[in-house]
Amino acid sequence: MNAATMGLGAGMALGFAGYFGGFWAFLLVLVLGAAGLVVGLVLQGDLDLPARRQR
């Protein structure tokens, strides 16, 4: 699935949440979508989060 298709799906999901659920549903879908994106990128290996240093 390419980036344009993913963006279209995300935009449609946010649009439906905003229209049917209101502002707070829109924000919830936005935050959970962003969290899912970060987790997916980490699992795929495209995002490398730095490890905490030991003292």
N, C-alpha and C. Protein backbone atom coordinates (compact mmCIF):
# COMPACT_ATOMS: atom_id res chain seq x y z
N MET A 1 0.85 -1.17 0.00
CA MET A 1 0.00 0.00 0.00
C MET A 1 0.91 1.24 0.00
N ASN A 2 0.66 2.16 -0.91
CA ASN A 2 1.53 3.32 -1.00
C ASN A 2 1.06 4.45 -0.07
N ALA A 3 1.87 5.49 0.02
CA ALA A 3 1.61 6.58 0.96
C ALA A 3 0.34 7.34 0.61
N ALA A 4 0.03 7.50 -0.66
CA ALA A 4 -1.18 8.23 -1.04
C ALA A 4 -2.44 7.49 -0.59
N THR A 5 -2.44 6.19 -0.73
CA THR A 5 -3.59 5.39 -0.30
C THR A 5 -3.74 5.43 1.22
N MET A 6 -2.63 5.35 1.92
CA MET A 6 -2.67 5.43 3.38
C MET A 6 -3.18 6.80 3.83
N GLY A 7 -2.72 7.84 3.18
CA GLY A 7 -3.17 9.20 3.51
C GLY A 7 -4.65 9.39 3.23
N LEU A 8 -5.12 8.83 2.13
CA LEU A 8 -6.54 8.90 1.80
C LEU A 8 -7.37 8.19 2.87
N GLY A 9 -6.95 7.01 3.27
CA GLY A 9 -7.67 6.27 4.32
C GLY A 9 -7.67 7.00 5.64
N ALA A 10 -6.54 7.56 6.02
CA ALA A 10 -6.46 8.31 7.27
C ALA A 10 -7.34 9.55 7.23
N GLY A 11 -7.32 10.25 6.12
CA GLY A 11 -8.16 11.44 5.99
C GLY A 11 -9.64 11.12 6.03
N MET A 12 -10.02 10.02 5.41
CA MET A 12 -11.43 9.62 5.45
C MET A 12 -11.85 9.21 6.86
N ALA A 13 -10.99 8.49 7.56
CA ALA A 13 -11.30 8.10 8.94
C ALA A 13 -11.46 9.32 9.83
N LEU A 14 -10.57 10.30 9.68
CA LEU A 14 -10.68 11.53 10.48
C LEU A 14 -11.92 12.32 10.10
N GLY A 15 -12.25 12.34 8.83
CA GLY A 15 -13.45 13.04 8.39
C GLY A 15 -14.72 12.42 8.97
N PHE A 16 -14.81 11.10 8.91
CA PHE A 16 -15.97 10.42 9.48
C PHE A 16 -16.06 10.63 10.99
N ALA A 17 -14.92 10.55 11.67
CA ALA A 17 -14.91 10.75 13.13
C ALA A 17 -15.34 12.17 13.48
N GLY A 18 -14.86 13.14 12.73
CA GLY A 18 -15.24 14.52 12.99
C GLY A 18 -16.70 14.80 12.68
N TYR A 19 -17.21 14.21 11.63
CA TYR A 19 -18.59 14.46 11.23
C TYR A 19 -19.59 13.78 12.16
N PHE A 20 -19.33 12.52 12.46
CA PHE A 20 -20.30 11.75 13.25
C PHE A 20 -20.06 11.82 14.75
N GLY A 21 -18.80 12.01 15.17
CA GLY A 21 -18.49 11.96 16.60
C GLY A 21 -18.16 13.29 17.22
N GLY A 22 -17.92 14.29 16.41
CA GLY A 22 -17.57 15.60 16.96
C GLY A 22 -16.07 15.77 17.10
N PHE A 23 -15.73 16.87 17.73
CA PHE A 23 -14.34 17.28 17.84
C PHE A 23 -13.50 16.30 18.66
N TRP A 24 -14.05 15.81 19.79
CA TRP A 24 -13.27 14.92 20.66
C TRP A 24 -13.03 13.57 19.99
N ALA A 25 -13.98 13.08 19.23
CA ALA A 25 -13.76 11.84 18.49
C ALA A 25 -12.69 12.05 17.42
N PHE A 26 -12.71 13.21 16.78
CA PHE A 26 -11.69 13.55 15.80
C PHE A 26 -10.31 13.52 16.44
N LEU A 27 -10.17 14.15 17.61
CA LEU A 27 -8.88 14.17 18.29
C LEU A 27 -8.44 12.77 18.73
N LEU A 28 -9.39 11.97 19.22
CA LEU A 28 -9.06 10.62 19.64
C LEU A 28 -8.54 9.79 18.47
N VAL A 29 -9.21 9.86 17.34
CA VAL A 29 -8.77 9.12 16.15
C VAL A 29 -7.41 9.64 15.69
N LEU A 30 -7.20 10.93 15.75
CA LEU A 30 -5.92 11.52 15.33
C LEU A 30 -4.78 11.04 16.22
N VAL A 31 -4.97 11.08 17.53
CA VAL A 31 -3.91 10.68 18.46
C VAL A 31 -3.62 9.18 18.36
N LEU A 32 -4.67 8.36 18.31
CA LEU A 32 -4.46 6.92 18.21
C LEU A 32 -3.85 6.54 16.86
N GLY A 33 -4.21 7.25 15.81
CA GLY A 33 -3.60 7.01 14.50
C GLY A 33 -2.13 7.36 14.50
N ALA A 34 -1.76 8.46 15.14
CA ALA A 34 -0.35 8.85 15.21
C ALA A 34 0.44 7.83 16.03
N ALA A 35 -0.14 7.36 17.13
CA ALA A 35 0.54 6.34 17.95
C ALA A 35 0.72 5.06 17.15
N GLY A 36 -0.29 4.66 16.42
CA GLY A 36 -0.18 3.47 15.58
C GLY A 36 0.86 3.62 14.50
N LEU A 37 0.95 4.82 13.94
CA LEU A 37 1.97 5.08 12.91
C LEU A 37 3.37 4.93 13.49
N VAL A 38 3.61 5.48 14.67
CA VAL A 38 4.93 5.39 15.29
C VAL A 38 5.28 3.93 15.60
N VAL A 39 4.34 3.19 16.17
CA VAL A 39 4.58 1.78 16.47
C VAL A 39 4.86 1.00 15.20
N GLY A 40 4.09 1.25 14.16
CA GLY A 40 4.31 0.57 12.88
C GLY A 40 5.66 0.87 12.28
N LEU A 41 6.08 2.13 12.34
CA LEU A 41 7.38 2.50 11.79
C LEU A 41 8.52 1.86 12.59
N VAL A 42 8.36 1.78 13.91
CA VAL A 42 9.40 1.14 14.73
C VAL A 42 9.48 -0.34 14.40
N LEU A 43 8.34 -1.02 14.31
CA LEU A 43 8.34 -2.45 14.02
C LEU A 43 8.86 -2.74 12.61
N GLN A 44 8.62 -1.84 11.69
CA GLN A 44 9.08 -2.02 10.31
C GLN A 44 10.56 -1.72 10.18
N GLY A 45 11.11 -0.96 11.13
CA GLY A 45 12.53 -0.63 11.10
C GLY A 45 12.83 0.70 10.44
N ASP A 46 11.81 1.48 10.11
CA ASP A 46 12.04 2.78 9.47
C ASP A 46 12.27 3.90 10.48
N LEU A 47 11.99 3.65 11.75
CA LEU A 47 12.17 4.66 12.79
C LEU A 47 12.97 4.02 13.90
N ASP A 48 14.12 4.60 14.21
CA ASP A 48 14.98 4.07 15.26
C ASP A 48 14.96 5.02 16.43
N LEU A 49 14.31 4.60 17.50
CA LEU A 49 14.25 5.42 18.70
C LEU A 49 15.52 5.20 19.51
N PRO A 50 16.16 6.29 19.97
CA PRO A 50 17.40 6.12 20.72
C PRO A 50 17.13 5.48 22.09
N ALA A 51 18.03 4.61 22.49
CA ALA A 51 17.92 3.96 23.80
C ALA A 51 18.36 4.94 24.89
N ARG A 52 17.82 4.78 26.08
CA ARG A 52 18.23 5.63 27.19
C ARG A 52 19.59 5.19 27.67
N ARG A 53 20.42 6.17 28.00
CA ARG A 53 21.76 5.85 28.47
C ARG A 53 21.73 5.47 29.94
N GLN A 54 22.55 4.49 30.29
CA GLN A 54 22.68 4.08 31.69
C GLN A 54 23.70 4.98 32.37
N ARG A 55 23.47 5.29 33.63
CA ARG A 55 24.45 6.13 34.36
C ARG A 55 25.37 5.27 35.17
